[in-house]
Structures are given as C-alpha cells and as structure tokens.
Amino acid sequence: KHRTRMVAQRGDHRTVSLVGYTNAGKSTLMNALTGAGVYAADQLFATLDTRTRKWSIAGWGEVLLSDTVGFVRKLPHHLVASFKSTLEEARQAELLLHVVDASHPDAELQINTVHQVLDEIGVDHSQMILVLNKCDAVADRSIVDVLRVKHHPAVAVSAATGEGLDRLGQAVSRHLGEGFAQVTITA
C-alpha cells in the first residue's frame, strides 16, 4: 500500500499573519478560522495588539495565525515605531494574508496603502495572498473578479458567512507546501 503526503518536521508550526487596512475584517476572519473569540468591531483600531491562535487547515495541519493592528492612510510618523513593534509577527511570518474589505469603494487605495505601510516598516510582502473579505456585501461581483485577477494570488471570502474559507485554507496549504518534498511510504 502506497501513500503520498507532504512532510513537515514534527512540531513545526508554520506562521501566517493577517494584515490589512482598519475595518477590513481581520479579527472577524480570525474568529471564523480559529474560533478564537477575539474582539471584533467596526471601529478604528479595534485591534491594538497582536493576537496569535492555532488554525487547523484541512489536509495540512495546524499553523499559527496572528491578527495584527489595522493600517490607515497617511500614518503619522510618530506612530510608525508603534506599528513596527506591533507587527513583529508579520515580519517573521512565512505568509501574509492581506485582508481587504472588497465591498469598500476605495478597496484599491486601501490595498496600495497597506503595501506602502509594509514597505515603510520593513515587512517583506512578497509572500502574500490577498483575501477579498466581505464578498457577500458586494453588489456587483465583477468588482471582486477584477480585484482577484489584478492581485493574484487572491481569494474571495466572507468571514461573516463562511463563504470561501475552504478555498482560503486550500490556497494557504498550497503556498506553505511549496518546496516541500512528497514522499511515498510503503507499509
């Protein structure tokens, strides 16, 4: 009997961080993925510190998922230092999930703002998946399609309804599995 599977070191937890503009739904997404029960509210800086929880991904196993403070446009320079310390988990993460409120009329501007802030505080964002959240609130789904094509890789989800969370888990699993060796075990 032959079985093929991805192999990681025992006890090896991969790290993933949620980043994004304020009110994009990062904490709601964390709650939906992990059952964490972290505070989530539609207000500026509802999350002021980073929280980390285990997320079990089907076909992969557990990863450590961190929820970070939301970004804003024209961040005052005196706050940049605070962001640096708060976002240390994002700096160390193997993968960033950039959560965007796809229903927001300025979604594209917010995507660019997050990229600028990440650059300014020295966080590498080359290993990132765009998470188009709140897709259930988008009246014209072609907007989500355009964002998904423009910002590949991207996954449309609704943290509130659970729509697309399985696809997000699959995308994270594929990304984290890149470079892993497949082994065949004969028993």
N, C-alpha and C. Protein backbone atom coordinates (compact mmCIF):
# COMPACT_ATOMS: atom_id res chain seq x y z
N LYS A 1 0.85 -1.18 0.00
CA LYS A 1 0.00 0.00 0.00
C LYS A 1 0.89 1.24 0.00
N HIS A 2 0.66 2.15 -0.94
CA HIS A 2 1.46 3.36 -1.05
C HIS A 2 0.61 4.57 -0.67
N ARG A 3 1.23 5.46 0.09
CA ARG A 3 0.57 6.72 0.44
C ARG A 3 1.56 7.85 0.16
N THR A 4 1.06 8.92 -0.43
CA THR A 4 1.89 10.09 -0.68
C THR A 4 1.33 11.24 0.13
N ARG A 5 2.21 11.94 0.83
CA ARG A 5 1.77 13.09 1.61
C ARG A 5 2.90 14.09 1.78
N MET A 6 2.54 15.29 2.17
CA MET A 6 3.52 16.32 2.45
C MET A 6 4.10 16.05 3.84
N VAL A 7 5.38 16.30 3.98
CA VAL A 7 6.03 16.02 5.25
C VAL A 7 6.64 17.30 5.81
N ALA A 8 6.37 17.57 7.05
CA ALA A 8 6.99 18.69 7.77
C ALA A 8 7.67 18.11 9.00
N GLN A 9 8.53 18.89 9.61
CA GLN A 9 9.17 18.42 10.84
C GLN A 9 8.14 18.32 11.94
N ARG A 10 8.29 17.34 12.80
CA ARG A 10 7.37 17.17 13.92
C ARG A 10 7.38 18.42 14.79
N GLY A 11 6.17 18.90 15.13
CA GLY A 11 6.06 20.07 15.99
C GLY A 11 6.32 21.38 15.28
N ASP A 12 6.55 21.31 13.97
CA ASP A 12 6.85 22.51 13.20
C ASP A 12 5.56 23.25 12.88
N HIS A 13 5.36 24.42 13.48
CA HIS A 13 4.17 25.23 13.19
C HIS A 13 4.57 26.34 12.23
N ARG A 14 3.95 26.36 11.09
CA ARG A 14 4.17 27.43 10.13
C ARG A 14 3.44 28.66 10.64
N THR A 15 3.91 29.85 10.25
CA THR A 15 3.33 31.08 10.76
C THR A 15 2.71 31.91 9.64
N VAL A 16 1.50 32.39 9.92
CA VAL A 16 0.73 33.18 8.97
C VAL A 16 0.21 34.40 9.72
N SER A 17 0.30 35.59 9.10
CA SER A 17 -0.21 36.80 9.75
C SER A 17 -1.26 37.46 8.88
N LEU A 18 -2.31 37.94 9.55
CA LEU A 18 -3.34 38.74 8.91
C LEU A 18 -2.89 40.19 8.95
N VAL A 19 -2.85 40.85 7.81
CA VAL A 19 -2.55 42.27 7.74
C VAL A 19 -3.64 42.92 6.89
N GLY A 20 -3.81 44.22 7.03
CA GLY A 20 -4.78 44.91 6.20
C GLY A 20 -5.19 46.23 6.79
N TYR A 21 -5.98 46.94 6.02
CA TYR A 21 -6.50 48.24 6.41
C TYR A 21 -7.44 48.07 7.60
N THR A 22 -7.59 49.11 8.38
CA THR A 22 -8.50 49.05 9.51
C THR A 22 -9.93 48.76 9.03
N ASN A 23 -10.66 47.95 9.76
CA ASN A 23 -12.04 47.54 9.46
C ASN A 23 -12.19 46.66 8.23
N ALA A 24 -11.11 45.99 7.82
CA ALA A 24 -11.20 45.07 6.68
C ALA A 24 -11.84 43.74 7.10
N GLY A 25 -11.87 43.48 8.41
CA GLY A 25 -12.46 42.24 8.91
C GLY A 25 -11.44 41.20 9.32
N LYS A 26 -10.24 41.64 9.69
CA LYS A 26 -9.18 40.71 10.09
C LYS A 26 -9.56 39.91 11.33
N SER A 27 -10.07 40.58 12.35
CA SER A 27 -10.44 39.89 13.59
C SER A 27 -11.63 38.96 13.37
N THR A 28 -12.59 39.39 12.56
CA THR A 28 -13.73 38.53 12.24
C THR A 28 -13.26 37.30 11.48
N LEU A 29 -12.31 37.49 10.57
CA LEU A 29 -11.75 36.35 9.82
C LEU A 29 -11.01 35.42 10.78
N MET A 30 -10.23 35.98 11.70
CA MET A 30 -9.52 35.14 12.66
C MET A 30 -10.51 34.32 13.47
N ASN A 31 -11.58 34.94 13.92
CA ASN A 31 -12.60 34.21 14.68
C ASN A 31 -13.21 33.10 13.84
N ALA A 32 -13.49 33.38 12.57
CA ALA A 32 -14.09 32.37 11.69
C ALA A 32 -13.15 31.20 11.44
N LEU A 33 -11.86 31.48 11.33
CA LEU A 33 -10.89 30.42 11.03
C LEU A 33 -10.46 29.62 12.26
N THR A 34 -10.42 30.28 13.42
CA THR A 34 -9.85 29.64 14.60
C THR A 34 -10.83 29.45 15.75
N GLY A 35 -11.99 30.12 15.69
CA GLY A 35 -12.91 30.09 16.82
C GLY A 35 -12.35 30.83 18.01
N ALA A 36 -11.46 31.79 17.76
CA ALA A 36 -10.72 32.47 18.82
C ALA A 36 -11.59 33.32 19.73
N GLY A 37 -12.64 33.91 19.21
CA GLY A 37 -13.46 34.79 20.03
C GLY A 37 -12.79 36.09 20.37
N VAL A 38 -11.88 36.57 19.48
CA VAL A 38 -11.22 37.85 19.75
C VAL A 38 -12.20 38.97 19.46
N TYR A 39 -11.99 40.11 20.11
CA TYR A 39 -12.86 41.26 19.94
C TYR A 39 -12.82 41.73 18.50
N ALA A 40 -13.99 41.92 17.91
CA ALA A 40 -14.10 42.42 16.54
C ALA A 40 -15.19 43.47 16.52
N ALA A 41 -14.86 44.66 16.00
CA ALA A 41 -15.84 45.75 15.94
C ALA A 41 -15.54 46.63 14.75
N ASP A 42 -16.57 47.28 14.26
CA ASP A 42 -16.43 48.20 13.14
C ASP A 42 -16.05 49.57 13.68
N GLN A 43 -14.79 49.67 14.10
CA GLN A 43 -14.28 50.93 14.65
C GLN A 43 -12.80 51.01 14.40
N LEU A 44 -12.28 52.22 14.36
CA LEU A 44 -10.87 52.45 14.13
C LEU A 44 -10.04 51.81 15.23
N PHE A 45 -9.06 51.03 14.85
CA PHE A 45 -8.14 50.37 15.78
C PHE A 45 -8.84 49.53 16.84
N ALA A 46 -9.82 48.72 16.42
CA ALA A 46 -10.46 47.80 17.36
C ALA A 46 -9.43 46.80 17.88
N THR A 47 -8.44 46.47 17.06
CA THR A 47 -7.34 45.61 17.48
C THR A 47 -6.13 46.49 17.72
N LEU A 48 -5.63 46.50 18.95
CA LEU A 48 -4.47 47.34 19.28
C LEU A 48 -3.21 46.53 19.55
N ASP A 49 -3.37 45.23 19.71
CA ASP A 49 -2.20 44.40 19.90
C ASP A 49 -2.37 43.13 19.07
N THR A 50 -1.28 42.43 18.85
CA THR A 50 -1.31 41.24 18.02
C THR A 50 -1.74 40.04 18.85
N ARG A 51 -2.64 39.25 18.27
CA ARG A 51 -3.09 38.01 18.92
C ARG A 51 -2.72 36.85 18.01
N THR A 52 -2.31 35.73 18.58
CA THR A 52 -1.94 34.55 17.80
C THR A 52 -2.73 33.35 18.30
N ARG A 53 -3.30 32.60 17.35
CA ARG A 53 -4.08 31.40 17.66
C ARG A 53 -3.71 30.30 16.68
N LYS A 54 -4.01 29.06 17.05
CA LYS A 54 -3.81 27.93 16.14
C LYS A 54 -4.97 27.83 15.17
N TRP A 55 -4.64 27.60 13.91
CA TRP A 55 -5.63 27.41 12.85
C TRP A 55 -5.38 26.05 12.24
N SER A 56 -6.36 25.18 12.29
CA SER A 56 -6.25 23.84 11.70
C SER A 56 -6.76 23.89 10.27
N ILE A 57 -5.86 23.61 9.33
CA ILE A 57 -6.20 23.64 7.91
C ILE A 57 -6.33 22.20 7.42
N ALA A 58 -7.48 21.89 6.83
CA ALA A 58 -7.73 20.54 6.30
C ALA A 58 -6.64 20.17 5.30
N GLY A 59 -6.09 18.97 5.45
CA GLY A 59 -5.06 18.50 4.55
C GLY A 59 -3.67 19.05 4.83
N TRP A 60 -3.55 19.91 5.82
CA TRP A 60 -2.25 20.49 6.16
C TRP A 60 -1.91 20.25 7.62
N GLY A 61 -2.76 20.68 8.50
CA GLY A 61 -2.50 20.61 9.93
C GLY A 61 -2.62 21.99 10.53
N GLU A 62 -1.93 22.20 11.64
CA GLU A 62 -2.04 23.47 12.34
C GLU A 62 -0.98 24.47 11.89
N VAL A 63 -1.40 25.73 11.81
CA VAL A 63 -0.49 26.85 11.61
C VAL A 63 -0.78 27.85 12.73
N LEU A 64 0.16 28.73 12.98
CA LEU A 64 -0.07 29.81 13.93
C LEU A 64 -0.52 31.03 13.14
N LEU A 65 -1.70 31.54 13.47
CA LEU A 65 -2.30 32.67 12.78
C LEU A 65 -2.32 33.87 13.70
N SER A 66 -1.73 34.99 13.23
CA SER A 66 -1.69 36.22 14.02
C SER A 66 -2.59 37.27 13.41
N ASP A 67 -3.31 37.97 14.28
CA ASP A 67 -4.18 39.09 13.90
C ASP A 67 -3.44 40.35 14.31
N THR A 68 -3.29 41.28 13.38
CA THR A 68 -2.50 42.48 13.65
C THR A 68 -3.37 43.74 13.63
N VAL A 69 -2.80 44.83 14.08
CA VAL A 69 -3.48 46.12 14.08
C VAL A 69 -3.75 46.56 12.64
N GLY A 70 -4.88 47.25 12.42
CA GLY A 70 -5.22 47.72 11.09
C GLY A 70 -4.42 48.94 10.68
N PHE A 71 -4.19 49.07 9.38
CA PHE A 71 -3.43 50.19 8.84
C PHE A 71 -4.37 51.32 8.46
N VAL A 72 -3.82 52.50 8.34
CA VAL A 72 -4.57 53.67 7.87
C VAL A 72 -3.69 54.47 6.90
N ARG A 73 -4.34 55.26 6.05
CA ARG A 73 -3.61 56.13 5.13
C ARG A 73 -2.94 57.24 5.90
N LYS A 74 -1.80 57.68 5.40
CA LYS A 74 -1.07 58.81 5.97
C LYS A 74 -0.82 58.62 7.46
N LEU A 75 -0.28 57.46 7.77
CA LEU A 75 0.06 57.14 9.16
C LEU A 75 1.07 58.16 9.67
N PRO A 76 0.76 58.84 10.78
CA PRO A 76 1.72 59.81 11.33
C PRO A 76 3.04 59.12 11.69
N HIS A 77 4.14 59.78 11.39
CA HIS A 77 5.45 59.18 11.58
C HIS A 77 5.71 58.75 13.02
N HIS A 78 5.14 59.45 13.99
CA HIS A 78 5.38 59.07 15.39
C HIS A 78 4.68 57.73 15.72
N LEU A 79 3.72 57.32 14.88
CA LEU A 79 3.06 56.03 15.11
C LEU A 79 3.76 54.88 14.40
N VAL A 80 4.64 55.20 13.44
CA VAL A 80 5.32 54.15 12.68
C VAL A 80 6.10 53.23 13.62
N ALA A 81 6.77 53.78 14.63
CA ALA A 81 7.53 52.97 15.59
C ALA A 81 6.60 52.01 16.33
N SER A 82 5.42 52.48 16.70
CA SER A 82 4.45 51.62 17.38
C SER A 82 4.02 50.47 16.47
N PHE A 83 3.81 50.78 15.19
CA PHE A 83 3.43 49.74 14.24
C PHE A 83 4.54 48.71 14.10
N LYS A 84 5.79 49.17 14.10
CA LYS A 84 6.91 48.24 13.95
C LYS A 84 6.89 47.18 15.04
N SER A 85 6.72 47.59 16.29
CA SER A 85 6.72 46.62 17.38
C SER A 85 5.47 45.76 17.35
N THR A 86 4.34 46.34 17.02
CA THR A 86 3.09 45.59 16.98
C THR A 86 3.09 44.56 15.86
N LEU A 87 3.79 44.86 14.78
CA LEU A 87 3.76 43.99 13.60
C LEU A 87 4.96 43.05 13.51
N GLU A 88 5.63 42.79 14.61
CA GLU A 88 6.78 41.89 14.58
C GLU A 88 6.39 40.50 14.08
N GLU A 89 5.19 40.02 14.45
CA GLU A 89 4.75 38.72 13.96
C GLU A 89 4.62 38.71 12.45
N ALA A 90 4.16 39.82 11.87
CA ALA A 90 4.04 39.91 10.41
C ALA A 90 5.42 39.86 9.77
N ARG A 91 6.39 40.47 10.40
CA ARG A 91 7.76 40.46 9.88
C ARG A 91 8.33 39.05 9.87
N GLN A 92 7.97 38.26 10.86
CA GLN A 92 8.51 36.91 11.00
C GLN A 92 7.68 35.85 10.27
N ALA A 93 6.49 36.21 9.83
CA ALA A 93 5.57 35.23 9.24
C ALA A 93 6.10 34.69 7.91
N GLU A 94 5.77 33.43 7.66
CA GLU A 94 6.12 32.81 6.39
C GLU A 94 5.16 33.23 5.29
N LEU A 95 3.96 33.65 5.69
CA LEU A 95 2.95 34.04 4.73
C LEU A 95 2.09 35.14 5.34
N LEU A 96 1.78 36.15 4.54
CA LEU A 96 0.86 37.21 4.95
C LEU A 96 -0.46 37.01 4.22
N LEU A 97 -1.55 37.14 4.97
CA LEU A 97 -2.88 37.19 4.38
C LEU A 97 -3.33 38.63 4.46
N HIS A 98 -3.33 39.30 3.31
CA HIS A 98 -3.70 40.71 3.24
C HIS A 98 -5.21 40.78 3.08
N VAL A 99 -5.90 41.12 4.16
CA VAL A 99 -7.36 41.15 4.19
C VAL A 99 -7.84 42.52 3.72
N VAL A 100 -8.74 42.51 2.74
CA VAL A 100 -9.28 43.73 2.14
C VAL A 100 -10.80 43.67 2.23
N ASP A 101 -11.41 44.78 2.57
CA ASP A 101 -12.87 44.90 2.50
C ASP A 101 -13.23 45.11 1.04
N ALA A 102 -13.61 44.02 0.35
CA ALA A 102 -13.90 44.09 -1.08
C ALA A 102 -15.13 44.94 -1.37
N SER A 103 -15.96 45.19 -0.37
CA SER A 103 -17.16 46.00 -0.58
C SER A 103 -16.89 47.50 -0.44
N HIS A 104 -15.70 47.85 0.00
CA HIS A 104 -15.38 49.26 0.21
C HIS A 104 -15.10 49.93 -1.13
N PRO A 105 -15.64 51.13 -1.37
CA PRO A 105 -15.42 51.80 -2.65
C PRO A 105 -13.95 52.16 -2.92
N ASP A 106 -13.15 52.27 -1.87
CA ASP A 106 -11.73 52.59 -2.02
C ASP A 106 -10.83 51.38 -1.76
N ALA A 107 -11.31 50.19 -2.08
CA ALA A 107 -10.55 48.97 -1.81
C ALA A 107 -9.16 49.02 -2.45
N GLU A 108 -9.08 49.46 -3.68
CA GLU A 108 -7.78 49.54 -4.37
C GLU A 108 -6.82 50.49 -3.66
N LEU A 109 -7.30 51.63 -3.23
CA LEU A 109 -6.48 52.59 -2.48
C LEU A 109 -6.01 51.96 -1.16
N GLN A 110 -6.89 51.23 -0.50
CA GLN A 110 -6.51 50.58 0.76
C GLN A 110 -5.46 49.50 0.54
N ILE A 111 -5.56 48.77 -0.57
CA ILE A 111 -4.54 47.75 -0.90
C ILE A 111 -3.19 48.44 -1.04
N ASN A 112 -3.15 49.53 -1.80
CA ASN A 112 -1.90 50.25 -2.00
C ASN A 112 -1.36 50.84 -0.70
N THR A 113 -2.24 51.33 0.15
CA THR A 113 -1.82 51.88 1.45
C THR A 113 -1.14 50.81 2.30
N VAL A 114 -1.73 49.63 2.34
CA VAL A 114 -1.14 48.54 3.13
C VAL A 114 0.24 48.19 2.59
N HIS A 115 0.38 48.11 1.28
CA HIS A 115 1.70 47.82 0.68
C HIS A 115 2.71 48.90 1.07
N GLN A 116 2.30 50.17 1.04
CA GLN A 116 3.20 51.27 1.40
C GLN A 116 3.62 51.19 2.86
N VAL A 117 2.67 50.91 3.75
CA VAL A 117 2.99 50.83 5.18
C VAL A 117 3.93 49.64 5.43
N LEU A 118 3.66 48.51 4.80
CA LEU A 118 4.54 47.35 4.96
C LEU A 118 5.96 47.70 4.50
N ASP A 119 6.07 48.38 3.37
CA ASP A 119 7.39 48.81 2.90
C ASP A 119 8.05 49.75 3.91
N GLU A 120 7.27 50.70 4.42
CA GLU A 120 7.82 51.71 5.33
C GLU A 120 8.33 51.10 6.64
N ILE A 121 7.67 50.06 7.11
CA ILE A 121 8.11 49.47 8.38
C ILE A 121 9.00 48.24 8.16
N GLY A 122 9.36 47.98 6.91
CA GLY A 122 10.33 46.93 6.61
C GLY A 122 9.80 45.51 6.66
N VAL A 123 8.53 45.32 6.33
CA VAL A 123 7.96 43.97 6.28
C VAL A 123 7.92 43.50 4.84
N ASP A 124 8.58 42.38 4.57
CA ASP A 124 8.58 41.79 3.23
C ASP A 124 7.18 41.26 2.93
N HIS A 125 6.60 41.70 1.82
CA HIS A 125 5.26 41.23 1.49
C HIS A 125 5.24 40.49 0.15
N SER A 126 6.38 39.88 -0.18
CA SER A 126 6.43 39.09 -1.42
C SER A 126 5.69 37.77 -1.26
N GLN A 127 5.56 37.28 -0.05
CA GLN A 127 4.84 36.03 0.22
C GLN A 127 3.49 36.41 0.83
N MET A 128 2.53 36.70 -0.06
CA MET A 128 1.26 37.22 0.42
C MET A 128 0.12 36.73 -0.47
N ILE A 129 -1.02 36.46 0.15
CA ILE A 129 -2.25 36.16 -0.55
C ILE A 129 -3.24 37.27 -0.20
N LEU A 130 -3.87 37.84 -1.22
CA LEU A 130 -4.90 38.85 -0.99
C LEU A 130 -6.21 38.15 -0.65
N VAL A 131 -6.81 38.52 0.47
CA VAL A 131 -8.07 37.94 0.91
C VAL A 131 -9.15 39.00 0.74
N LEU A 132 -10.00 38.81 -0.26
CA LEU A 132 -11.07 39.76 -0.56
C LEU A 132 -12.26 39.43 0.32
N ASN A 133 -12.29 40.04 1.50
CA ASN A 133 -13.30 39.77 2.51
C ASN A 133 -14.58 40.57 2.22
N LYS A 134 -15.64 40.18 2.87
CA LYS A 134 -16.95 40.84 2.77
C LYS A 134 -17.52 40.74 1.36
N CYS A 135 -17.15 39.65 0.64
CA CYS A 135 -17.65 39.50 -0.73
C CYS A 135 -19.16 39.32 -0.75
N ASP A 136 -19.75 38.93 0.37
CA ASP A 136 -21.21 38.82 0.46
C ASP A 136 -21.89 40.19 0.42
N ALA A 137 -21.14 41.25 0.69
CA ALA A 137 -21.70 42.60 0.72
C ALA A 137 -21.44 43.38 -0.57
N VAL A 138 -20.83 42.72 -1.56
CA VAL A 138 -20.53 43.39 -2.83
C VAL A 138 -21.71 43.19 -3.78
N ALA A 139 -22.30 44.30 -4.20
CA ALA A 139 -23.47 44.23 -5.09
C ALA A 139 -23.10 43.73 -6.48
N ASP A 140 -21.96 44.17 -7.01
CA ASP A 140 -21.52 43.79 -8.34
C ASP A 140 -20.30 42.88 -8.20
N ARG A 141 -20.50 41.57 -8.36
CA ARG A 141 -19.41 40.60 -8.15
C ARG A 141 -18.27 40.76 -9.14
N SER A 142 -18.49 41.49 -10.24
CA SER A 142 -17.39 41.70 -11.19
C SER A 142 -16.27 42.51 -10.54
N ILE A 143 -16.61 43.32 -9.54
CA ILE A 143 -15.59 44.08 -8.80
C ILE A 143 -14.62 43.12 -8.13
N VAL A 144 -15.16 42.08 -7.50
CA VAL A 144 -14.32 41.07 -6.85
C VAL A 144 -13.47 40.35 -7.88
N ASP A 145 -14.07 40.02 -9.04
CA ASP A 145 -13.33 39.33 -10.09
C ASP A 145 -12.16 40.17 -10.60
N VAL A 146 -12.38 41.47 -10.79
CA VAL A 146 -11.32 42.36 -11.26
C VAL A 146 -10.19 42.42 -10.23
N LEU A 147 -10.53 42.58 -8.96
CA LEU A 147 -9.51 42.63 -7.91
C LEU A 147 -8.74 41.31 -7.84
N ARG A 148 -9.45 40.19 -7.98
CA ARG A 148 -8.81 38.87 -7.91
C ARG A 148 -7.80 38.69 -9.04
N VAL A 149 -8.16 39.11 -10.24
CA VAL A 149 -7.26 38.98 -11.38
C VAL A 149 -6.07 39.93 -11.25
N LYS A 150 -6.34 41.16 -10.82
CA LYS A 150 -5.28 42.17 -10.72
C LYS A 150 -4.27 41.86 -9.62
N HIS A 151 -4.71 41.20 -8.56
CA HIS A 151 -3.85 40.98 -7.39
C HIS A 151 -3.67 39.48 -7.11
N HIS A 152 -3.24 38.76 -8.10
CA HIS A 152 -3.04 37.32 -7.95
C HIS A 152 -1.84 37.06 -7.04
N PRO A 153 -1.87 36.12 -6.13
CA PRO A 153 -2.99 35.26 -5.79
C PRO A 153 -3.98 35.96 -4.87
N ALA A 154 -5.25 35.70 -5.10
CA ALA A 154 -6.31 36.30 -4.29
C ALA A 154 -7.45 35.30 -4.15
N VAL A 155 -8.11 35.38 -2.99
CA VAL A 155 -9.24 34.50 -2.69
C VAL A 155 -10.38 35.37 -2.16
N ALA A 156 -11.59 35.15 -2.69
CA ALA A 156 -12.77 35.89 -2.22
C ALA A 156 -13.42 35.10 -1.09
N VAL A 157 -13.69 35.78 0.02
CA VAL A 157 -14.29 35.14 1.19
C VAL A 157 -15.31 36.07 1.84
N SER A 158 -16.08 35.49 2.73
CA SER A 158 -16.89 36.28 3.66
C SER A 158 -16.67 35.67 5.03
N ALA A 159 -15.95 36.38 5.88
CA ALA A 159 -15.72 35.89 7.24
C ALA A 159 -17.03 35.79 7.99
N ALA A 160 -17.99 36.64 7.65
CA ALA A 160 -19.28 36.66 8.34
C ALA A 160 -20.13 35.43 8.02
N THR A 161 -20.11 34.98 6.76
CA THR A 161 -20.96 33.85 6.35
C THR A 161 -20.20 32.54 6.21
N GLY A 162 -18.87 32.62 6.13
CA GLY A 162 -18.06 31.42 5.94
C GLY A 162 -17.78 31.11 4.48
N GLU A 163 -18.36 31.88 3.58
CA GLU A 163 -18.14 31.66 2.15
C GLU A 163 -16.66 31.78 1.80
N GLY A 164 -16.13 30.79 1.10
CA GLY A 164 -14.76 30.83 0.60
C GLY A 164 -13.68 30.46 1.59
N LEU A 165 -14.03 30.19 2.84
CA LEU A 165 -12.99 29.88 3.84
C LEU A 165 -12.26 28.58 3.50
N ASP A 166 -12.97 27.63 2.90
CA ASP A 166 -12.31 26.39 2.48
C ASP A 166 -11.29 26.66 1.37
N ARG A 167 -11.64 27.53 0.42
CA ARG A 167 -10.71 27.90 -0.66
C ARG A 167 -9.49 28.64 -0.09
N LEU A 168 -9.72 29.46 0.93
CA LEU A 168 -8.60 30.16 1.57
C LEU A 168 -7.66 29.15 2.21
N GLY A 169 -8.21 28.19 2.93
CA GLY A 169 -7.38 27.15 3.54
C GLY A 169 -6.58 26.38 2.50
N GLN A 170 -7.20 26.06 1.37
CA GLN A 170 -6.50 25.35 0.30
C GLN A 170 -5.37 26.21 -0.28
N ALA A 171 -5.63 27.49 -0.47
CA ALA A 171 -4.60 28.40 -1.01
C ALA A 171 -3.42 28.51 -0.05
N VAL A 172 -3.71 28.61 1.24
CA VAL A 172 -2.63 28.69 2.25
C VAL A 172 -1.85 27.38 2.27
N SER A 173 -2.55 26.28 2.23
CA SER A 173 -1.90 24.97 2.22
C SER A 173 -0.98 24.82 1.01
N ARG A 174 -1.46 25.20 -0.18
CA ARG A 174 -0.64 25.14 -1.39
C ARG A 174 0.60 26.01 -1.24
N HIS A 175 0.41 27.23 -0.75
CA HIS A 175 1.52 28.16 -0.62
C HIS A 175 2.57 27.63 0.38
N LEU A 176 2.11 27.19 1.53
CA LEU A 176 3.05 26.70 2.54
C LEU A 176 3.72 25.41 2.11
N GLY A 177 3.06 24.65 1.24
CA GLY A 177 3.61 23.39 0.76
C GLY A 177 4.63 23.52 -0.35
N GLU A 178 4.75 24.72 -0.92
CA GLU A 178 5.73 24.92 -1.98
C GLU A 178 7.12 24.60 -1.45
N GLY A 179 7.86 23.80 -2.19
CA GLY A 179 9.21 23.45 -1.79
C GLY A 179 9.28 22.24 -0.87
N PHE A 180 8.13 21.73 -0.41
CA PHE A 180 8.14 20.53 0.41
C PHE A 180 8.33 19.32 -0.50
N ALA A 181 8.93 18.31 0.01
CA ALA A 181 9.11 17.07 -0.75
C ALA A 181 7.91 16.16 -0.50
N GLN A 182 7.49 15.48 -1.57
CA GLN A 182 6.47 14.45 -1.42
C GLN A 182 7.19 13.13 -1.25
N VAL A 183 6.76 12.35 -0.29
CA VAL A 183 7.38 11.04 -0.06
C VAL A 183 6.31 9.97 -0.19
N THR A 184 6.72 8.81 -0.64
CA THR A 184 5.83 7.68 -0.73
C THR A 184 6.23 6.68 0.34
N ILE A 185 5.26 6.32 1.17
CA ILE A 185 5.51 5.40 2.28
C ILE A 185 4.90 4.06 1.91
N THR A 186 5.68 3.03 1.96
CA THR A 186 5.19 1.70 1.66
C THR A 186 5.04 0.95 2.99
N ALA A 187 3.83 0.47 3.24
CA ALA A 187 3.60 -0.24 4.51
C ALA A 187 3.23 -1.67 4.24
